[in-house]
Structure formats: C-alpha cells, structure tokens
Amino acid sequence: MKSFSSTLATVLVLATPLASLALDAKKLQPNEHATNLAGATTIEAPPASFDIVNASDQDLQYYGFPPRPNQNTEPKAYATWLKAMSSSKIRIVPTLEQTSIFHGPAKQMKAPAAAPASASLSTPSGTPSNTYYSSNWSGYVDFSGATSYGSTSYYYIVNDMVVPAATQAPGTCTGAWEWGSEWNGIDGWGSPDVLQAGVEFDAYCSGTYRSSYYSAWYEWYPYGEVRISSLPVAPGDDIFVEVWHTSATQGYAYLVNYNTNQYVEVGFTAYPGYGLRGNSAEWVIERPTVNGSLATLSDYYMIPFWNAYAYTEAYAFYDIATATPVDMESGTTVISYPEYLGAEAFVGYYY
C-alpha cells in the first residue's frame, strides 16, 4: 500500500453491489470461486499432471488458461503463448482492491489529417504523419471495423512489457503523487467501454522524500481499476498480459510475472448496461483519471512492448504493423509517444 494513507483513502471505493448480481446470475463451474471482490471470480490451479501443451481447448478454458493460437498458421503467436503458459508455475489467488482510478476511453485531441506542422506543436522528431493525438493515451491502436459485437469484434489481445522505474521528472518535486499505467485492452477508441489489464506505476516526491508504487490491475470501464495486490510486480519485471472475453459481458485477465513465475487469472463482468463492441485493440501507456481529474503522468523514461498482437472472433490477425500510433499531449506538447520497432514491438518514451 502507498505510504500516504490520506491520498490512498481518496482513491479507494467500495465494491459495487451491482457486480454481485451478475455473479449470482452466472453459474460457477466446480473449480471456479468467488474472490474477495463482488462480481470477480478465479479458477483453481490445474493438477500437477496437467499437460498444457497437449490439452484440448476445452480443458484449457476449464482451468482458466487463455486462448491458444494456432501453432501452424501463427507460429510466433503460438510461441509467445507457449512461453507464457510454460512460465505459469505458481497460480496466485487474487486479492483484489477496487479503486476510483479510471483508465477510460481515449480522449481524442486530433486525427492525423488535422495534426499541424507548425512550431506551436511540440512533437518528437520523426513522428509519423499518420499519428493520432490523445490527452490520456499513447501507444498503438488497431481497428477491426466492428460496429457491434460479432465476428469482426476483437476476441483477445496480448503483449509482453517491462515494469518501469517511476519517478517525477528531473528537477521537479510536486509534493503529490504522479500516476501512470501500461496496459493492453479491447474497445475504448470510439466505443464507451474498455476491457483491459496492466500495471500501475506511480511516483511521489515531497522535499527530500521520494516514493514509488506498483500494482498489477484489471478494469472494465466504466468500472474503475481493480488492483491485484497479491501478484507482486517491481521495476524491471517482464510481464505478460492477456485479456479476452467469452461474451459481450464476460471478460478475463491473465497476467504472468516472468521474473517470479507467478501468474493470476480473474474473470469479471461488464458494467451494467454496457457491453463489448470489439472495434479497437490497443497497447497503451496512460495517465489515468484520479479523483475525477486527469493525473500528471509519472516519468517512466521508457517502456518496451513486444509480442504484441490481437485476434478477432473470426481469427483475423492484427499487430503493431497494422496499427496507428498515438501520441499523448498535455496542451500542445507531446509528453509520451511510441517508437516503432517492428511488426509486433515498440518502445514508449516519456518526453
């Protein structure tokens, strides 16, 4: 937990009772259990003899493992999945903490055609001409063309990423927390919900005192972030993240810490009245909304994302090569931006 209890108290909220209604309506399978947070479930670890490589798709789903890519048609995606599953040695029982931190839809500022070339816009050199701009997101976004939930909707999204060392920018000390998150997700660009999971990285400075805070989390906006406090993460850790769904209102998050071989699986439901559209899939560094206001982004220096890809329900394949870059702006100044490294990789930079 953060050292400053008064600050933390303002960002924690009680779990909504509406989620418990959805859980009550869902019949749990024998190895599936409710968590400490209403509406969220988790599945027991499989028996020691479980063969994840040769297991059927049905058995993988039963034991809470994410969808398996086709080894023959998508060998790189399969290799990423196999590495993550082979590193899933210690299944963590999730201890969950509802917050009032929100990683909402992209706050779009300008489309590529409207991006000016004037000196009034401070952008990094080499910014691609097709870049989108947002006040809360930076990263890459793919678009499926889905207008409603169906075969063109994104089904699942994955990537590996490194937890950064969060600080406040050199020469600054605000006397308050600054916030940041790295995540992947479905929906949120032109759709009102976001199904997502990732890692929070925050920094505090007051006088000579400095502190930082890190937590894995999941979220299905308009619900707020739910911290997974029982899965330890630290700067330098290599994290695998996957989110997927089995219906427009049932989602899952699966995170693996490669440095510890610990992993967690959580099932959860959409906010009442909302459902997945599946029109966008994204890999994002975000400054979230905290206590109703857009937070100051913590200085993360750089974050690499790799093995980044997504599939639709019809198994159409998308990656960074098919995606559009997004720069994060504060006013007219870019403060976070992605640099393309290849078909399934990029680096996010604090600017």
Protein backbone atom coordinates (compact mmCIF):
# COMPACT_ATOMS: atom_id res chain seq x y z
CA MET A 1 0.00 0.00 0.00
CA LYS A 2 1.14 3.59 -0.52
CA SER A 3 2.69 5.40 2.40
CA PHE A 4 0.29 8.32 2.30
CA SER A 5 -2.95 6.99 3.72
CA SER A 6 -4.83 10.23 3.21
CA THR A 7 -4.09 10.15 -0.51
CA LEU A 8 -4.93 6.48 -0.80
CA ALA A 9 -8.18 6.91 1.05
CA THR A 10 -9.39 9.24 -1.66
CA VAL A 11 -8.84 6.70 -4.43
CA LEU A 12 -10.35 3.61 -2.82
CA VAL A 13 -14.08 2.95 -3.11
CA LEU A 14 -16.34 0.14 -2.00
CA ALA A 15 -17.03 -2.67 -4.46
CA THR A 16 -20.31 -2.03 -6.20
CA PRO A 17 -23.16 -4.34 -5.25
CA LEU A 18 -24.33 -4.36 -8.87
CA ALA A 19 -21.44 -6.65 -9.80
CA SER A 20 -22.60 -9.24 -7.30
CA LEU A 21 -25.90 -9.51 -9.14
CA ALA A 22 -24.05 -10.54 -12.30
CA LEU A 23 -22.05 -13.09 -10.36
CA ASP A 24 -25.19 -14.53 -8.79
CA ALA A 25 -26.67 -14.90 -12.29
CA LYS A 26 -23.60 -16.79 -13.54
CA LYS A 27 -23.36 -20.44 -12.59
CA LEU A 28 -19.80 -21.15 -11.46
CA GLN A 29 -18.04 -24.30 -12.62
CA PRO A 30 -16.79 -26.66 -9.87
CA ASN A 31 -13.20 -25.29 -9.80
CA GLU A 32 -14.26 -21.62 -10.06
CA HIS A 33 -14.63 -19.49 -6.95
CA ALA A 34 -15.72 -16.01 -5.96
CA THR A 35 -12.94 -13.65 -4.90
CA ASN A 36 -12.92 -11.07 -2.12
CA LEU A 37 -14.44 -8.57 -4.60
CA ALA A 38 -18.08 -8.94 -5.61
CA GLY A 39 -18.50 -9.92 -9.26
CA ALA A 40 -14.97 -11.29 -9.77
CA THR A 41 -14.05 -14.98 -9.89
CA THR A 42 -10.92 -17.08 -10.20
CA ILE A 43 -10.17 -20.69 -11.10
CA GLU A 44 -8.12 -23.19 -9.11
CA ALA A 45 -4.68 -24.21 -10.34
CA PRO A 46 -4.78 -27.36 -12.50
CA PRO A 47 -3.47 -30.66 -11.15
CA ALA A 48 0.30 -31.15 -11.28
CA SER A 49 -0.14 -33.71 -14.05
CA PHE A 50 -1.92 -31.24 -16.36
CA ASP A 51 -0.25 -31.14 -19.79
CA ILE A 52 -0.79 -27.61 -21.05
CA VAL A 53 0.88 -28.25 -24.41
CA ASN A 54 -1.34 -31.16 -25.41
CA ALA A 55 -4.51 -30.19 -23.53
CA SER A 56 -7.70 -29.66 -25.51
CA ASP A 57 -9.07 -26.15 -25.97
CA GLN A 58 -11.95 -27.13 -23.67
CA ASP A 59 -9.59 -28.22 -20.89
CA LEU A 60 -7.51 -25.06 -21.25
CA GLN A 61 -10.66 -22.98 -20.80
CA TYR A 62 -11.82 -25.09 -17.86
CA TYR A 63 -8.57 -24.48 -16.00
CA GLY A 64 -8.52 -20.76 -16.70
CA PHE A 65 -5.85 -20.57 -19.38
CA PRO A 66 -6.17 -18.05 -22.22
CA PRO A 67 -6.97 -19.00 -25.82
CA ARG A 68 -4.23 -20.86 -27.69
CA PRO A 69 -3.13 -19.53 -31.10
CA ASN A 70 -2.86 -21.95 -33.99
CA GLN A 71 0.63 -23.41 -33.99
CA ASN A 72 0.63 -23.97 -37.76
CA THR A 73 -0.81 -20.70 -39.04
CA GLU A 74 0.56 -18.35 -36.36
CA PRO A 75 3.81 -19.89 -35.07
CA LYS A 76 5.14 -16.67 -33.50
CA ALA A 77 1.90 -16.03 -31.63
CA TYR A 78 1.85 -19.66 -30.51
CA ALA A 79 5.45 -19.38 -29.28
CA THR A 80 4.51 -16.30 -27.22
CA TRP A 81 1.55 -18.13 -25.70
CA LEU A 82 3.63 -21.25 -25.00
CA LYS A 83 6.37 -19.24 -23.27
CA ALA A 84 3.80 -17.54 -21.03
CA MET A 85 2.00 -20.79 -20.20
CA SER A 86 5.26 -22.65 -19.54
CA SER A 87 6.29 -19.86 -17.13
CA SER A 88 2.96 -20.05 -15.29
CA LYS A 89 4.29 -22.10 -12.37
CA ILE A 90 2.64 -20.56 -9.30
CA ARG A 91 -1.02 -19.58 -9.59
CA ILE A 92 -1.81 -16.73 -7.24
CA VAL A 93 -5.19 -16.44 -5.56
CA PRO A 94 -6.16 -12.87 -6.44
CA THR A 95 -6.59 -10.39 -3.62
CA LEU A 96 -8.50 -7.55 -5.23
CA GLU A 97 -8.86 -3.89 -4.33
CA GLN A 98 -11.41 -1.67 -6.07
CA THR A 99 -10.17 1.88 -6.68
CA SER A 100 -11.50 5.11 -8.14
CA ILE A 101 -8.67 5.23 -10.67
CA PHE A 102 -10.08 5.11 -14.20
CA HIS A 103 -8.39 4.11 -17.44
CA GLY A 104 -11.15 5.28 -19.71
CA PRO A 105 -11.60 5.59 -23.45
CA ALA A 106 -9.08 7.67 -25.39
CA LYS A 107 -9.62 11.38 -25.05
CA GLN A 108 -9.02 12.18 -28.71
CA MET A 109 -7.50 15.55 -29.50
CA LYS A 110 -6.68 15.43 -33.21
CA ALA A 111 -6.88 12.95 -36.05
CA PRO A 112 -3.81 12.54 -38.30
CA ALA A 113 -5.09 14.80 -41.06
CA ALA A 114 -5.59 17.61 -38.56
CA ALA A 115 -2.15 17.41 -36.97
CA PRO A 116 -0.45 20.73 -37.73
CA ALA A 117 3.16 21.06 -38.82
CA SER A 118 3.54 24.40 -37.04
CA ALA A 119 6.14 25.11 -34.38
CA SER A 120 3.35 25.62 -31.83
CA LEU A 121 3.02 21.83 -31.52
CA SER A 122 6.00 20.33 -29.68
CA THR A 123 6.49 16.81 -31.05
CA PRO A 124 9.44 14.41 -31.13
CA SER A 125 11.44 14.29 -34.34
CA GLY A 126 10.38 11.51 -36.69
CA THR A 127 6.73 11.50 -35.59
CA PRO A 128 4.82 9.54 -38.29
CA SER A 129 2.37 11.56 -40.38
CA ASN A 130 -0.49 9.19 -39.52
CA THR A 131 -0.17 9.75 -35.76
CA TYR A 132 -3.28 10.26 -33.64
CA TYR A 133 -3.19 12.51 -30.58
CA SER A 134 -4.83 11.98 -27.18
CA SER A 135 -4.62 13.66 -23.80
CA ASN A 136 -4.57 10.36 -21.88
CA TRP A 137 -3.23 7.60 -24.21
CA SER A 138 -0.01 6.92 -26.07
CA GLY A 139 0.86 3.70 -27.88
CA TYR A 140 -0.73 1.88 -30.83
CA VAL A 141 -4.35 1.19 -31.77
CA ASP A 142 -5.75 -1.34 -34.25
CA PHE A 143 -9.27 -1.13 -35.71
CA SER A 144 -11.42 -4.10 -36.71
CA GLY A 145 -14.29 -2.17 -38.26
CA ALA A 146 -16.82 -3.76 -35.88
CA THR A 147 -19.90 -1.65 -35.23
CA SER A 148 -21.48 -4.16 -32.85
CA TYR A 149 -20.48 -7.37 -31.08
CA GLY A 150 -19.91 -10.16 -33.58
CA SER A 151 -17.40 -11.99 -35.77
CA THR A 152 -15.34 -8.87 -36.53
CA SER A 153 -15.02 -7.98 -32.83
CA TYR A 154 -11.63 -8.38 -31.22
CA TYR A 155 -11.51 -11.60 -29.20
CA TYR A 156 -8.20 -11.38 -27.36
CA ILE A 157 -5.07 -9.24 -27.15
CA VAL A 158 -1.61 -9.98 -25.70
CA ASN A 159 1.84 -8.50 -25.19
CA ASP A 160 4.97 -8.63 -23.07
CA MET A 161 6.20 -5.44 -21.37
CA VAL A 162 8.64 -4.26 -18.72
CA VAL A 163 7.64 -2.52 -15.47
CA PRO A 164 9.41 0.87 -15.48
CA ALA A 165 11.01 2.71 -12.58
CA ALA A 166 8.56 5.51 -11.85
CA THR A 167 9.91 8.90 -10.81
CA GLN A 168 8.95 12.53 -11.08
CA ALA A 169 10.61 14.43 -13.91
CA PRO A 170 14.16 15.68 -13.22
CA GLY A 171 14.12 18.98 -11.38
CA THR A 172 10.50 18.63 -10.23
CA CYS A 173 9.01 17.71 -6.87
CA THR A 174 5.28 18.31 -6.78
CA GLY A 175 4.51 17.33 -3.18
CA ALA A 176 1.94 14.90 -4.55
CA TRP A 177 1.58 11.60 -6.39
CA GLU A 178 2.02 11.34 -10.15
CA TRP A 179 0.45 8.40 -11.95
CA GLY A 180 0.99 6.12 -14.92
CA SER A 181 -0.13 2.76 -16.33
CA GLU A 182 0.88 0.35 -19.08
CA TRP A 183 -1.78 -1.99 -20.43
CA ASN A 184 -3.45 -3.70 -23.33
CA GLY A 185 -7.16 -3.81 -23.98
CA ILE A 186 -10.16 -4.03 -26.27
CA ASP A 187 -12.51 -1.12 -27.04
CA GLY A 188 -12.05 2.49 -25.96
CA TRP A 189 -11.36 4.24 -29.26
CA GLY A 190 -14.80 5.26 -30.45
CA SER A 191 -16.54 2.91 -28.02
CA PRO A 192 -17.70 3.68 -24.45
CA ASP A 193 -16.21 0.66 -22.63
CA VAL A 194 -12.63 -0.62 -22.23
CA LEU A 195 -11.77 -4.24 -21.32
CA GLN A 196 -8.16 -4.05 -20.13
CA ALA A 197 -5.36 -5.17 -17.78
CA GLY A 198 -1.88 -3.96 -16.98
CA VAL A 199 0.46 -2.45 -14.40
CA GLU A 200 0.22 0.82 -12.49
CA PHE A 201 3.42 2.83 -11.80
CA ASP A 202 3.20 5.93 -9.60
CA ALA A 203 5.74 8.35 -8.11
CA TYR A 204 5.68 10.68 -5.08
CA CYS A 205 8.02 13.49 -4.11
CA SER A 206 7.92 15.96 -1.22
CA GLY A 207 11.05 17.76 -0.11
CA THR A 208 13.77 15.14 0.22
CA TYR A 209 11.29 12.25 0.46
CA ARG A 210 10.58 10.14 -2.62
CA SER A 211 8.46 7.03 -3.05
CA SER A 212 7.01 4.87 -5.79
CA TYR A 213 4.19 2.35 -6.07
CA TYR A 214 3.47 -0.52 -8.45
CA SER A 215 0.49 -2.84 -8.87
CA ALA A 216 -0.97 -5.23 -11.41
CA TRP A 217 -4.61 -4.48 -12.21
CA TYR A 218 -7.59 -5.14 -14.46
CA GLU A 219 -10.56 -2.98 -15.38
CA TRP A 220 -13.70 -2.99 -17.49
CA TYR A 221 -14.55 0.68 -17.79
CA PRO A 222 -16.88 2.34 -16.70
CA TYR A 223 -15.88 0.32 -13.61
CA GLY A 224 -12.64 1.62 -12.13
CA GLU A 225 -9.28 -0.07 -11.83
CA VAL A 226 -9.11 -3.18 -9.62
CA ARG A 227 -5.66 -3.76 -8.15
CA ILE A 228 -4.39 -7.34 -7.95
CA SER A 229 -2.30 -6.79 -4.85
CA SER A 230 -1.40 -10.47 -4.37
CA LEU A 231 0.64 -10.57 -7.62
CA PRO A 232 3.91 -8.77 -6.80
CA VAL A 233 5.44 -6.59 -9.53
CA ALA A 234 8.58 -4.45 -9.39
CA PRO A 235 10.65 -2.27 -11.74
CA GLY A 236 12.45 -4.38 -14.31
CA ASP A 237 9.96 -7.26 -14.18
CA ASP A 238 8.90 -8.74 -17.52
CA ILE A 239 5.12 -9.07 -17.55
CA PHE A 240 2.86 -10.99 -19.93
CA VAL A 241 -0.70 -9.65 -20.18
CA GLU A 242 -3.72 -11.07 -21.98
CA VAL A 243 -7.37 -10.08 -21.89
CA TRP A 244 -10.19 -11.87 -23.65
CA HIS A 245 -13.92 -12.47 -23.41
CA THR A 246 -16.45 -15.25 -23.87
CA SER A 247 -19.42 -12.94 -24.38
CA ALA A 248 -20.12 -9.24 -24.70
CA THR A 249 -20.38 -9.01 -20.91
CA GLN A 250 -17.94 -11.65 -19.59
CA GLY A 251 -14.23 -10.84 -19.61
CA TYR A 252 -10.98 -12.33 -18.33
CA ALA A 253 -7.48 -11.13 -17.49
CA TYR A 254 -4.35 -13.28 -17.26
CA LEU A 255 -1.01 -11.89 -16.11
CA VAL A 256 2.35 -13.65 -15.73
CA ASN A 257 5.44 -12.27 -13.98
CA TYR A 258 8.29 -13.98 -15.82
CA ASN A 259 10.75 -12.96 -13.09
CA THR A 260 8.90 -14.92 -10.41
CA ASN A 261 6.89 -17.46 -12.48
CA GLN A 262 3.79 -16.28 -10.62
CA TYR A 263 0.55 -15.77 -12.51
CA VAL A 264 -3.07 -14.84 -11.91
CA GLU A 265 -6.39 -15.36 -13.68
CA VAL A 266 -9.51 -13.29 -12.99
CA GLY A 267 -12.99 -13.40 -14.51
CA PHE A 268 -15.26 -10.35 -14.32
CA THR A 269 -18.30 -8.77 -15.90
CA ALA A 270 -19.09 -5.57 -17.77
CA TYR A 271 -20.67 -2.54 -16.16
CA PRO A 272 -24.49 -2.83 -16.17
CA GLY A 273 -25.90 -1.53 -19.41
CA TYR A 274 -22.54 -1.77 -21.22
CA GLY A 275 -21.11 -4.50 -23.43
CA LEU A 276 -18.14 -5.17 -25.63
CA ARG A 277 -18.17 -3.82 -29.17
CA GLY A 278 -14.70 -5.05 -30.10
CA ASN A 279 -13.92 -2.26 -32.57
CA SER A 280 -10.43 -1.38 -31.27
CA ALA A 281 -7.47 -3.24 -29.79
CA GLU A 282 -4.71 -1.20 -28.19
CA TRP A 283 -1.36 -1.25 -26.40
CA VAL A 284 -1.22 1.84 -24.22
CA ILE A 285 0.73 3.95 -21.76
CA GLU A 286 -1.81 6.13 -19.97
CA ARG A 287 -2.14 8.88 -17.45
CA PRO A 288 -5.36 7.84 -15.75
CA THR A 289 -8.17 9.87 -14.24
CA VAL A 290 -7.78 10.06 -10.44
CA ASN A 291 -10.34 11.69 -8.15
CA GLY A 292 -12.18 12.97 -11.21
CA SER A 293 -9.21 14.71 -12.86
CA LEU A 294 -6.63 13.70 -15.42
CA ALA A 295 -3.47 12.85 -13.47
CA THR A 296 0.04 14.15 -14.03
CA LEU A 297 1.99 11.42 -15.84
CA SER A 298 4.85 9.95 -13.82
CA ASP A 299 8.24 9.90 -15.56
CA TYR A 300 8.72 6.34 -16.77
CA TYR A 301 11.64 7.10 -19.16
CA MET A 302 10.91 4.19 -21.49
CA ILE A 303 8.76 1.04 -21.70
CA PRO A 304 9.27 -1.67 -24.33
CA PHE A 305 6.26 -3.63 -25.61
CA TRP A 306 6.80 -6.75 -27.70
CA ASN A 307 4.98 -9.90 -28.83
CA ALA A 308 2.00 -7.59 -29.28
CA TYR A 309 -0.87 -8.99 -31.31
CA ALA A 310 -4.66 -9.38 -31.31
CA TYR A 311 -7.25 -11.65 -32.91
CA THR A 312 -10.87 -11.11 -33.84
CA GLU A 313 -13.64 -13.63 -33.23
CA ALA A 314 -13.13 -14.77 -36.84
CA TYR A 315 -9.38 -15.13 -36.11
CA ALA A 316 -8.25 -12.21 -38.24
CA PHE A 317 -4.74 -11.28 -37.05
CA TYR A 318 -3.60 -7.78 -36.07
CA ASP A 319 -0.33 -6.44 -34.65
CA ILE A 320 1.69 -3.22 -34.41
CA ALA A 321 2.36 -3.25 -38.16
CA THR A 322 -1.37 -2.82 -38.83
CA ALA A 323 -1.91 -0.30 -36.02
CA THR A 324 -1.93 3.50 -35.81
CA PRO A 325 0.47 5.31 -33.42
CA VAL A 326 -0.93 7.59 -30.71
CA ASP A 327 0.99 10.42 -29.01
CA MET A 328 -0.12 11.77 -25.62
CA GLU A 329 -0.35 15.56 -25.37
CA SER A 330 -0.64 17.99 -22.49
CA GLY A 331 -1.95 21.15 -24.10
CA THR A 332 0.08 21.36 -27.30
CA THR A 333 3.12 19.46 -26.00
CA VAL A 334 3.68 15.75 -26.53
CA ILE A 335 4.58 14.11 -23.20
CA SER A 336 4.58 10.42 -24.20
CA TYR A 337 4.98 8.76 -27.58
CA PRO A 338 5.69 5.35 -29.19
CA GLU A 339 8.60 4.43 -31.43
CA TYR A 340 8.01 1.59 -33.89
CA LEU A 341 10.46 -1.30 -33.61
CA GLY A 342 8.83 -3.92 -35.82
CA ALA A 343 5.66 -5.78 -36.65
CA GLU A 344 4.93 -6.72 -33.03
CA ALA A 345 7.07 -4.33 -30.98
CA PHE A 346 7.51 -0.69 -29.98
CA VAL A 347 9.03 1.41 -27.22
CA GLY A 348 7.08 4.06 -25.35
CA TYR A 349 9.04 7.14 -24.30
CA TYR A 350 8.36 9.80 -21.68
CA TYR A 351 9.05 13.15 -23.39
